[in-house]
PDB file of N, CA and C in Angstrom:
ATOM      1  N   MET A   1      29.870  46.112  -1.123  1.00  0.00           N
ATOM      2  CA  MET A   1      29.046  44.702  -0.428  1.00  0.00           C
ATOM      3  C   MET A   1      27.687  45.159  -1.732  1.00  0.00           C
ATOM      4  N   ASN A   2      26.677  44.318  -2.685  1.00  0.00           N
ATOM      5  CA  ASN A   2      25.843  44.356  -2.995  1.00  0.00           C
ATOM      6  C   ASN A   2      24.914  43.586  -1.595  1.00  0.00           C
ATOM      7  N   ARG A   3      23.907  43.650  -1.107  1.00  0.00           N
ATOM      8  CA  ARG A   3      22.646  43.087   0.443  1.00  0.00           C
ATOM      9  C   ARG A   3      22.383  41.980  -0.343  1.00  0.00           C
ATOM     10  N   ARG A   4      21.525  42.153  -1.321  1.00  0.00           N
ATOM     11  CA  ARG A   4      20.574  41.328  -3.030  1.00  0.00           C
ATOM     12  C   ARG A   4      21.207  40.382  -2.088  1.00  0.00           C
ATOM     13  N   LEU A   5      22.896  39.786  -2.281  1.00  0.00           N
ATOM     14  CA  LEU A   5      23.260  38.369  -2.133  1.00  0.00           C
ATOM     15  C   LEU A   5      24.016  37.708  -1.106  1.00  0.00           C
ATOM     16  N   HIS A   6      23.740  38.972  -0.402  1.00  0.00           N
ATOM     17  CA  HIS A   6      24.074  38.491   1.096  1.00  0.00           C
ATOM     18  C   HIS A   6      22.717  38.344   2.690  1.00  0.00           C
ATOM     19  N   PRO A   7      22.099  37.286   2.837  1.00  0.00           N
ATOM     20  CA  PRO A   7      21.032  38.264   3.866  1.00  0.00           C
ATOM     21  C   PRO A   7      21.540  38.384   4.732  1.00  0.00           C
ATOM     22  N   VAL A   8      19.808  39.577   5.188  1.00  0.00           N
ATOM     23  CA  VAL A   8      20.739  39.943   7.046  1.00  0.00           C
ATOM     24  C   VAL A   8      19.334  39.828   7.514  1.00  0.00           C
ATOM     25  N   THR A   9      19.597  39.694   9.022  1.00  0.00           N
ATOM     26  CA  THR A   9      18.554  39.287   9.983  1.00  0.00           C
ATOM     27  C   THR A   9      17.780  41.412   9.970  1.00  0.00           C
ATOM     28  N   LEU A  10      16.824  40.584  10.508  1.00  0.00           N
ATOM     29  CA  LEU A  10      15.869  41.795  10.584  1.00  0.00           C
ATOM     30  C   LEU A  10      17.107  42.505  11.927  1.00  0.00           C
ATOM     31  N   GLN A  11      16.812  42.119  13.329  1.00  0.00           N
ATOM     32  CA  GLN A  11      17.949  43.002  13.972  1.00  0.00           C
ATOM     33  C   GLN A  11      18.555  43.836  12.801  1.00  0.00           C
ATOM     34  N   GLN A  12      19.225  42.652  12.639  1.00  0.00           N
ATOM     35  CA  GLN A  12      20.457  43.659  11.615  1.00  0.00           C
ATOM     36  C   GLN A  12      20.072  45.085  11.189  1.00  0.00           C
ATOM     37  N   ALA A  13      19.513  44.338   9.416  1.00  0.00           N
ATOM     38  CA  ALA A  13      18.487  46.068   9.045  1.00  0.00           C
ATOM     39  C   ALA A  13      18.017  46.418  10.394  1.00  0.00           C
ATOM     40  N   ALA A  14      17.818  46.497  10.901  1.00  0.00           N
ATOM     41  CA  ALA A  14      17.008  47.909  11.863  1.00  0.00           C
ATOM     42  C   ALA A  14      18.289  48.282  11.757  1.00  0.00           C
ATOM     43  N   LEU A  15      18.996  48.042  12.616  1.00  0.00           N
ATOM     44  CA  LEU A  15      20.672  48.652  13.544  1.00  0.00           C
ATOM     45  C   LEU A  15      21.388  49.628  12.016  1.00  0.00           C
ATOM     46  N   ASP A  16      20.774  48.923  11.022  1.00  0.00           N
ATOM     47  CA  ASP A  16      21.223  50.302  10.142  1.00  0.00           C
ATOM     48  C   ASP A  16      20.281  51.006   9.414  1.00  0.00           C
ATOM     49  N   SER A  17      19.104  50.988   9.259  1.00  0.00           N
ATOM     50  CA  SER A  17      18.573  51.594   8.889  1.00  0.00           C
ATOM     51  C   SER A  17      17.302  52.387  10.449  1.00  0.00           C
ATOM     52  N   PRO A  18      18.299  53.816  10.205  1.00  0.00           N
ATOM     53  CA  PRO A  18      17.666  55.133  12.235  1.00  0.00           C
ATOM     54  C   PRO A  18      15.823  54.445  11.768  1.00  0.00           C
ATOM     55  N   THR A  19      15.191  54.043  10.040  1.00  0.00           N
ATOM     56  CA  THR A  19      13.510  54.623  10.000  1.00  0.00           C
ATOM     57  C   THR A  19      13.008  52.501  10.962  1.00  0.00           C
ATOM     58  N   LEU A  20      14.527  51.849  10.649  1.00  0.00           N
ATOM     59  CA  LEU A  20      13.098  50.726  11.845  1.00  0.00           C
ATOM     60  C   LEU A  20      13.649  50.658  12.487  1.00  0.00           C
ATOM     61  N   ALA A  21      14.520  50.921  13.784  1.00  0.00           N
ATOM     62  CA  ALA A  21      15.566  50.934  15.041  1.00  0.00           C
ATOM     63  C   ALA A  21      14.501  51.043  15.409  1.00  0.00           C
ATOM     64  N   ARG A  22      13.219  52.432  14.967  1.00  0.00           N
ATOM     65  CA  ARG A  22      12.943  53.476  15.758  1.00  0.00           C
ATOM     66  C   ARG A  22      11.406  52.189  16.370  1.00  0.00           C
ATOM     67  N   LEU A  23      10.871  52.125  14.281  1.00  0.00           N
ATOM     68  CA  LEU A  23      10.261  50.830  14.670  1.00  0.00           C
ATOM     69  C   LEU A  23       9.606  49.352  15.549  1.00  0.00           C
ATOM     70  N   ALA A  24      11.340  49.306  14.956  1.00  0.00           N
ATOM     71  CA  ALA A  24      11.419  48.632  15.887  1.00  0.00           C
ATOM     72  C   ALA A  24      11.381  48.513  17.879  1.00  0.00           C
ATOM     73  N   GLU A  25      11.696  49.383  18.177  1.00  0.00           N
ATOM     74  CA  GLU A  25      11.972  49.862  19.401  1.00  0.00           C
ATOM     75  C   GLU A  25       9.924  50.604  19.615  1.00  0.00           C
ATOM     76  N   LEU A  26       9.410  51.244  18.767  1.00  0.00           N
ATOM     77  CA  LEU A  26       7.888  51.658  19.318  1.00  0.00           C
ATOM     78  C   LEU A  26       7.509  50.537  19.507  1.00  0.00           C
ATOM     79  N   ALA A  27       7.562  48.644  18.159  1.00  0.00           N
ATOM     80  CA  ALA A  27       6.901  47.497  18.576  1.00  0.00           C
ATOM     81  C   ALA A  27       6.489  46.532  20.138  1.00  0.00           C
ATOM     82  N   ARG A  28       8.476  46.811  20.735  1.00  0.00           N
ATOM     83  CA  ARG A  28       8.903  46.504  21.715  1.00  0.00           C
ATOM     84  C   ARG A  28       8.638  47.383  22.676  1.00  0.00           C
ATOM     85  N   ASP A  29       8.383  48.573  23.020  1.00  0.00           N
ATOM     86  CA  ASP A  29       8.093  49.322  24.056  1.00  0.00           C
ATOM     87  C   ASP A  29       6.281  48.289  23.411  1.00  0.00           C
ATOM     88  N   SER A  30       5.384  48.394  22.970  1.00  0.00           N
ATOM     89  CA  SER A  30       4.201  48.843  23.209  1.00  0.00           C
ATOM     90  C   SER A  30       4.228  47.704  23.287  1.00  0.00           C
ATOM     91  N   SER A  31       4.751  45.587  23.321  1.00  0.00           N
ATOM     92  CA  SER A  31       4.581  44.548  23.643  1.00  0.00           C
ATOM     93  C   SER A  31       5.014  44.825  25.823  1.00  0.00           C
ATOM     94  N   GLU A  32       5.880  45.182  26.017  1.00  0.00           N
ATOM     95  CA  GLU A  32       6.184  45.321  27.207  1.00  0.00           C
ATOM     96  C   GLU A  32       5.302  46.487  28.107  1.00  0.00           C
ATOM     97  N   ARG A  33       4.398  47.212  26.773  1.00  0.00           N
ATOM     98  CA  ARG A  33       3.007  48.364  27.914  1.00  0.00           C
ATOM     99  C   ARG A  33       2.344  47.145  27.908  1.00  0.00           C
ATOM    100  N   LEU A  34       2.146  46.146  27.450  1.00  0.00           N
ATOM    101  CA  LEU A  34       1.145  44.719  27.792  1.00  0.00           C
ATOM    102  C   LEU A  34       1.356  44.102  28.512  1.00  0.00           C
ATOM    103  N   LYS A  35       2.605  43.886  28.679  1.00  0.00           N
ATOM    104  CA  LYS A  35       3.161  42.897  29.784  1.00  0.00           C
ATOM    105  C   LYS A  35       2.425  43.169  31.147  1.00  0.00           C
ATOM    106  N   ALA A  36       3.063  44.626  30.753  1.00  0.00           N
ATOM    107  CA  ALA A  36       2.621  45.684  32.126  1.00  0.00           C
ATOM    108  C   ALA A  36       1.554  45.373  32.846  1.00  0.00           C
ATOM    109  N   VAL A  37      -0.058  45.042  32.022  1.00  0.00           N
ATOM    110  CA  VAL A  37      -1.261  45.591  31.975  1.00  0.00           C
ATOM    111  C   VAL A  37      -1.786  43.935  32.051  1.00  0.00           C
ATOM    112  N   GLU A  38      -1.135  42.818  31.660  1.00  0.00           N
ATOM    113  CA  GLU A  38      -2.286  41.848  31.597  1.00  0.00           C
ATOM    114  C   GLU A  38      -2.701  41.284  32.928  1.00  0.00           C
ATOM    115  N   LEU A  39      -1.389  41.383  34.042  1.00  0.00           N
ATOM    116  CA  LEU A  39      -2.898  41.118  34.350  1.00  0.00           C
ATOM    117  C   LEU A  39      -3.903  41.304  35.568  1.00  0.00           C
ATOM    118  N   LEU A  40      -3.588  43.128  35.490  1.00  0.00           N
ATOM    119  CA  LEU A  40      -5.339  43.732  35.233  1.00  0.00           C
ATOM    120  C   LEU A  40      -6.093  43.161  34.427  1.00  0.00           C
ATOM    121  N   ILE A  41      -6.154  42.512  32.710  1.00  0.00           N
ATOM    122  CA  ILE A  41      -7.133  42.431  31.982  1.00  0.00           C
ATOM    123  C   ILE A  41      -7.990  40.888  32.474  1.00  0.00           C
ATOM    124  N   PRO A  42      -8.533  40.853  32.575  1.00  0.00           N
ATOM    125  CA  PRO A  42      -9.403  39.703  32.491  1.00  0.00           C
ATOM    126  C   PRO A  42      -8.703  38.569  32.116  1.00  0.00           C
ATOM    127  N   ALA A  43      -8.528  37.198  32.580  1.00  0.00           N
ATOM    128  CA  ALA A  43      -8.310  36.286  31.815  1.00  0.00           C
ATOM    129  C   ALA A  43      -8.591  35.486  30.959  1.00  0.00           C
ATOM    130  N   PRO A  44     -10.336  35.949  30.351  1.00  0.00           N
ATOM    131  CA  PRO A  44     -10.936  35.170  29.316  1.00  0.00           C
ATOM    132  C   PRO A  44     -10.075  36.283  27.955  1.00  0.00           C
ATOM    133  N   LEU A  45     -10.614  37.460  28.474  1.00  0.00           N
ATOM    134  CA  LEU A  45     -10.097  38.043  27.795  1.00  0.00           C
ATOM    135  C   LEU A  45      -8.503  38.405  27.179  1.00  0.00           C
ATOM    136  N   ARG A  46      -8.030  37.525  27.734  1.00  0.00           N
ATOM    137  CA  ARG A  46      -6.409  38.264  26.785  1.00  0.00           C
ATOM    138  C   ARG A  46      -6.211  38.449  26.092  1.00  0.00           C
ATOM    139  N   PRO A  47      -7.224  36.573  25.277  1.00  0.00           N
ATOM    140  CA  PRO A  47      -5.939  35.832  23.784  1.00  0.00           C
ATOM    141  C   PRO A  47      -6.886  36.762  22.954  1.00  0.00           C
ATOM    142  N   ALA A  48      -7.694  37.908  23.251  1.00  0.00           N
ATOM    143  CA  ALA A  48      -8.657  38.107  22.196  1.00  0.00           C
ATOM    144  C   ALA A  48      -8.017  40.014  22.229  1.00  0.00           C
ATOM    145  N   ILE A  49      -6.789  40.430  22.184  1.00  0.00           N
ATOM    146  CA  ILE A  49      -5.516  41.254  22.712  1.00  0.00           C
ATOM    147  C   ILE A  49      -4.964  41.389  21.750  1.00  0.00           C
ATOM    148  N   SER A  50      -4.187  42.165  22.015  1.00  0.00           N
ATOM    149  CA  SER A  50      -2.342  41.985  21.116  1.00  0.00           C
ATOM    150  C   SER A  50      -2.355  44.052  20.901  1.00  0.00           C
ATOM    151  N   ALA A  51      -1.137  44.217  20.941  1.00  0.00           N
ATOM    152  CA  ALA A  51      -0.623  45.583  21.608  1.00  0.00           C
ATOM    153  C   ALA A  51      -0.591  45.651  20.285  1.00  0.00           C
ATOM    154  N   GLY A  52      -1.262  47.484  20.645  1.00  0.00           N
ATOM    155  CA  GLY A  52      -1.158  47.837  19.130  1.00  0.00           C
ATOM    156  C   GLY A  52       0.037  49.305  18.612  1.00  0.00           C
ATOM    157  N   PRO A  53      -0.245  50.213  17.446  1.00  0.00           N
ATOM    158  CA  PRO A  53       0.790  51.585  17.900  1.00  0.00           C
ATOM    159  C   PRO A  53       0.722  52.288  19.200  1.00  0.00           C
ATOM    160  N   VAL A  54       1.824  52.805  19.530  1.00  0.00           N
ATOM    161  CA  VAL A  54       2.424  54.173  20.023  1.00  0.00           C
ATOM    162  C   VAL A  54       2.082  55.651  19.043  1.00  0.00           C
ATOM    163  N   ASP A  55       1.943  56.604  19.507  1.00  0.00           N
ATOM    164  CA  ASP A  55       2.013  57.894  19.307  1.00  0.00           C
ATOM    165  C   ASP A  55       2.309  58.976  20.650  1.00  0.00           C
ATOM    166  N   GLY A  56       3.377  58.699  20.972  1.00  0.00           N
ATOM    167  CA  GLY A  56       4.244  59.202  22.146  1.00  0.00           C
ATOM    168  C   GLY A  56       3.026  59.329  23.250  1.00  0.00           C
ATOM    169  N   THR A  57       1.536  60.068  23.730  1.00  0.00           N
ATOM    170  CA  THR A  57       1.256  59.022  25.080  1.00  0.00           C
ATOM    171  C   THR A  57       0.569  58.689  24.521  1.00  0.00           C
ATOM    172  N   GLU A  58      -0.293  58.076  23.110  1.00  0.00           N
ATOM    173  CA  GLU A  58      -1.134  57.539  23.063  1.00  0.00           C
ATOM    174  C   GLU A  58      -0.597  56.385  22.754  1.00  0.00           C
ATOM    175  N   TRP A  59      -1.645  55.007  23.073  1.00  0.00           N
ATOM    176  CA  TRP A  59      -1.091  54.131  23.121  1.00  0.00           C
ATOM    177  C   TRP A  59      -2.478  53.473  22.891  1.00  0.00           C
ATOM    178  N   CYS A  60      -2.469  52.551  21.501  1.00  0.00           N
ATOM    179  CA  CYS A  60      -3.572  51.804  21.726  1.00  0.00           C
ATOM    180  C   CYS A  60      -3.462  50.219  20.975  1.00  0.00           C
ATOM    181  N   LEU A  61      -4.588  49.376  21.337  1.00  0.00           N
ATOM    182  CA  LEU A  61      -4.576  47.935  21.638  1.00  0.00           C
ATOM    183  C   LEU A  61      -5.109  47.676  20.821  1.00  0.00           C
ATOM    184  N   LEU A  62      -5.260  46.506  20.728  1.00  0.00           N
ATOM    185  CA  LEU A  62      -5.657  45.480  19.329  1.00  0.00           C
ATOM    186  C   LEU A  62      -7.663  44.836  19.349  1.00  0.00           C
ATOM    187  N   VAL A  63      -8.870  44.284  19.716  1.00  0.00           N
ATOM    188  CA  VAL A  63      -9.071  43.485  19.534  1.00  0.00           C
ATOM    189  C   VAL A  63      -9.549  42.805  19.355  1.00  0.00           C
ATOM    190  N   SER A  64     -10.201  42.087  18.832  1.00  0.00           N
ATOM    191  CA  SER A  64     -11.103  41.083  18.321  1.00  0.00           C
ATOM    192  C   SER A  64     -12.439  41.657  17.977  1.00  0.00           C
ATOM    193  N   SER A  65     -13.242  41.826  19.009  1.00  0.00           N
ATOM    194  CA  SER A  65     -14.612  41.681  18.700  1.00  0.00           C
ATOM    195  C   SER A  65     -15.383  43.107  19.740  1.00  0.00           C
ATOM    196  N   ASN A  66     -15.888  43.537  18.818  1.00  0.00           N
ATOM    197  CA  ASN A  66     -16.623  44.600  19.678  1.00  0.00           C
ATOM    198  C   ASN A  66     -17.041  44.479  21.415  1.00  0.00           C
ATOM    199  N   ALA A  67     -17.638  42.564  21.228  1.00  0.00           N
ATOM    200  CA  ALA A  67     -17.110  42.985  22.855  1.00  0.00           C
ATOM    201  C   ALA A  67     -15.979  42.861  23.557  1.00  0.00           C
ATOM    202  N   ALA A  68     -15.435  42.120  22.969  1.00  0.00           N
ATOM    203  CA  ALA A  68     -13.651  42.033  23.919  1.00  0.00           C
ATOM    204  C   ALA A  68     -13.522  43.553  24.315  1.00  0.00           C
ATOM    205  N   GLY A  69     -13.721  44.879  22.838  1.00  0.00           N
ATOM    206  CA  GLY A  69     -12.989  46.529  23.182  1.00  0.00           C
ATOM    207  C   GLY A  69     -14.170  46.824  24.218  1.00  0.00           C
ATOM    208  N   ALA A  70     -15.819  46.150  24.185  1.00  0.00           N
ATOM    209  CA  ALA A  70     -16.619  47.042  24.924  1.00  0.00           C
ATOM    210  C   ALA A  70     -15.862  46.661  26.786  1.00  0.00           C
ATOM    211  N   LYS A  71     -15.458  45.243  26.871  1.00  0.00           N
ATOM    212  CA  LYS A  71     -14.797  45.250  28.287  1.00  0.00           C
ATOM    213  C   LYS A  71     -13.697  45.593  28.642  1.00  0.00           C
ATOM    214  N   LEU A  72     -12.670  45.524  27.309  1.00  0.00           N
ATOM    215  CA  LEU A  72     -11.700  46.558  28.251  1.00  0.00           C
ATOM    216  C   LEU A  72     -11.709  48.020  28.051  1.00  0.00           C
ATOM    217  N   ARG A  73     -12.507  48.364  27.713  1.00  0.00           N
ATOM    218  CA  ARG A  73     -12.652  49.950  27.829  1.00  0.00           C
ATOM    219  C   ARG A  73     -12.901  49.974  29.984  1.00  0.00           C
ATOM    220  N   GLN A  74     -13.499  48.698  30.421  1.00  0.00           N
ATOM    221  CA  GLN A  74     -14.134  49.000  31.290  1.00  0.00           C
ATOM    222  C   GLN A  74     -12.896  49.382  32.290  1.00  0.00           C
ATOM    223  N   VAL A  75     -12.188  48.925  31.703  1.00  0.00           N
ATOM    224  CA  VAL A  75     -10.098  48.702  32.336  1.00  0.00           C
ATOM    225  C   VAL A  75      -9.556  49.355  32.303  1.00  0.00           C
ATOM    226  N   LEU A  76      -9.889  50.543  31.626  1.00  0.00           N
ATOM    227  CA  LEU A  76      -8.545  51.282  30.613  1.00  0.00           C
ATOM    228  C   LEU A  76      -8.704  52.057  31.934  1.00  0.00           C
ATOM    229  N   PRO A  77      -9.678  52.665  32.898  1.00  0.00           N
ATOM    230  CA  PRO A  77      -8.369  53.213  33.864  1.00  0.00           C
ATOM    231  C   PRO A  77      -7.438  52.934  34.843  1.00  0.00           C
ATOM    232  N   ALA A  78      -7.549  51.279  34.925  1.00  0.00           N
ATOM    233  CA  ALA A  78      -5.898  50.645  36.347  1.00  0.00           C
ATOM    234  C   ALA A  78      -5.734  50.442  35.090  1.00  0.00           C
ATOM    235  N   LEU A  79      -5.268  50.502  33.565  1.00  0.00           N
ATOM    236  CA  LEU A  79      -4.076  50.011  33.268  1.00  0.00           C
ATOM    237  C   LEU A  79      -3.109  51.445  32.592  1.00  0.00           C
ATOM    238  N   MET A  80      -4.043  52.348  32.960  1.00  0.00           N
ATOM    239  CA  MET A  80      -3.035  53.737  32.956  1.00  0.00           C
ATOM    240  C   MET A  80      -2.447  53.985  34.087  1.00  0.00           C
ATOM    241  N   THR A  81      -3.329  53.785  35.720  1.00  0.00           N
ATOM    242  CA  THR A  81      -2.769  53.656  36.204  1.00  0.00           C
ATOM    243  C   THR A  81      -1.730  53.120  36.503  1.00  0.00           C
ATOM    244  N   ARG A  82      -1.380  52.196  36.046  1.00  0.00           N
ATOM    245  CA  ARG A  82      -0.446  50.818  35.965  1.00  0.00           C
ATOM    246  C   ARG A  82       0.934  51.235  35.475  1.00  0.00           C
ATOM    247  N   LEU A  83       0.524  51.074  34.300  1.00  0.00           N
ATOM    248  CA  LEU A  83       1.685  52.182  33.001  1.00  0.00           C
ATOM    249  C   LEU A  83       1.967  53.445  33.105  1.00  0.00           C
ATOM    250  N   ARG A  84       1.435  54.434  34.429  1.00  0.00           N
ATOM    251  CA  ARG A  84       2.154  55.564  35.405  1.00  0.00           C
ATOM    252  C   ARG A  84       2.807  55.228  36.324  1.00  0.00           C
ATOM    253  N   ASP A  85       2.701  54.324  36.450  1.00  0.00           N
ATOM    254  CA  ASP A  85       2.780  53.636  37.496  1.00  0.00           C
ATOM    255  C   ASP A  85       4.313  53.366  37.690  1.00  0.00           C
ATOM    256  N   ARG A  86       4.685  53.075  36.250  1.00  0.00           N
ATOM    257  CA  ARG A  86       5.737  52.190  35.782  1.00  0.00           C
ATOM    258  C   ARG A  86       6.927  52.396  35.002  1.00  0.00           C
ATOM    259  N   GLY A  87       6.343  53.766  34.827  1.00  0.00           N
ATOM    260  CA  GLY A  87       7.265  54.810  34.733  1.00  0.00           C
ATOM    261  C   GLY A  87       6.796  55.721  32.568  1.00  0.00           C
ATOM    262  N   TRP A  88       5.641  54.894  32.405  1.00  0.00           N
ATOM    263  CA  TRP A  88       5.417  55.277  31.526  1.00  0.00           C
ATOM    264  C   TRP A  88       4.292  56.688  30.890  1.00  0.00           C
ATOM    265  N   GLU A  89       4.947  57.546  29.757  1.00  0.00           N
ATOM    266  CA  GLU A  89       3.891  58.265  30.318  1.00  0.00           C
ATOM    267  C   GLU A  89       2.766  58.664  29.176  1.00  0.00           C
ATOM    268  N   VAL A  90       1.590  58.237  29.548  1.00  0.00           N
ATOM    269  CA  VAL A  90      -0.024  57.822  29.213  1.00  0.00           C
ATOM    270  C   VAL A  90      -0.533  58.397  28.491  1.00  0.00           C
ATOM    271  N   THR A  91      -1.418  59.852  28.208  1.00  0.00           N
ATOM    272  CA  THR A  91      -2.073  60.199  28.425  1.00  0.00           C
ATOM    273  C   THR A  91      -3.209  59.967  27.844  1.00  0.00           C
ATOM    274  N   SER A  92      -3.703  58.299  26.909  1.00  0.00           N
ATOM    275  CA  SER A  92      -5.161  57.607  26.604  1.00  0.00           C
ATOM    276  C   SER A  92      -4.757  56.576  25.816  1.00  0.00           C
ATOM    277  N   ILE A  93      -5.415  55.502  26.030  1.00  0.00           N
ATOM    278  CA  ILE A  93      -5.151  54.556  26.115  1.00  0.00           C
ATOM    279  C   ILE A  93      -6.873  54.247  24.389  1.00  0.00           C
ATOM    280  N   ARG A  94      -6.649  54.369  23.737  1.00  0.00           N
ATOM    281  CA  ARG A  94      -7.121  53.751  22.369  1.00  0.00           C
ATOM    282  C   ARG A  94      -7.643  52.834  22.267  1.00  0.00           C
ATOM    283  N   VAL A  95      -9.457  51.949  21.792  1.00  0.00           N
ATOM    284  CA  VAL A  95      -9.708  50.466  21.664  1.00  0.00           C
ATOM    285  C   VAL A  95      -9.378  50.467  20.341  1.00  0.00           C
ATOM    286  N   LYS A  96      -8.890  50.007  19.239  1.00  0.00           N
ATOM    287  CA  LYS A  96      -9.264  49.766  17.893  1.00  0.00           C
ATOM    288  C   LYS A  96      -9.541  48.084  17.747  1.00  0.00           C
ATOM    289  N   VAL A  97     -11.359  48.041  17.606  1.00  0.00           N
ATOM    290  CA  VAL A  97     -11.798  46.708  17.345  1.00  0.00           C
ATOM    291  C   VAL A  97     -11.089  46.216  15.393  1.00  0.00           C
ATOM    292  N   GLN A  98     -11.033  44.933  15.456  1.00  0.00           N
ATOM    293  CA  GLN A  98      -9.463  44.713  14.476  1.00  0.00           C
ATOM    294  C   GLN A  98     -10.715  43.061  14.007  1.00  0.00           C
ATOM    295  N   MET A  99     -11.122  43.473  13.274  1.00  0.00           N
ATOM    296  CA  MET A  99     -12.508  42.355  12.495  1.00  0.00           C
ATOM    297  C   MET A  99     -11.497  41.220  11.540  1.00  0.00           C
ATOM    298  N   PRO A 100     -11.475  39.699  12.107  1.00  0.00           N
ATOM    299  CA  PRO A 100     -10.521  39.215  11.063  1.00  0.00           C
ATOM    300  C   PRO A 100     -11.224  39.175   9.659  1.00  0.00           C
ATOM    301  N   ARG A 101      -9.482  38.343   8.782  1.00  0.00           N
ATOM    302  CA  ARG A 101     -10.193  39.172   7.811  1.00  0.00           C
ATOM    303  C   ARG A 101     -10.459  37.504   7.130  1.00  0.00           C
ATOM    304  N   ARG A 102     -11.713  37.734   5.310  1.00  0.00           N
ATOM    305  CA  ARG A 102     -12.173  36.525   5.053  1.00  0.00           C
ATOM    306  C   ARG A 102     -10.792  36.111   3.890  1.00  0.00           C
TER     307      ARG A 102
END
């Protein structure tokens, strides 16, 4: 069967490819981590933060500005404690500022 003639869903493609399946799993894990800690993040700051990549025991949070990153860094110890309490093995959380593209 020629796949070019038969479109597949992203979920089906991920199931058929170990690499895509792993990427989908990491993206899901990162989103679940953010959901687990979002109540510890001040409400006005939440829209400026998105889940970033997971690399072993390190997690990255993406922020929209330097100011949001500075404020987020103040609550990182609480976020790490919450994640550990929920069963994630986290040794560090990186904060990366992602400036909007023009």
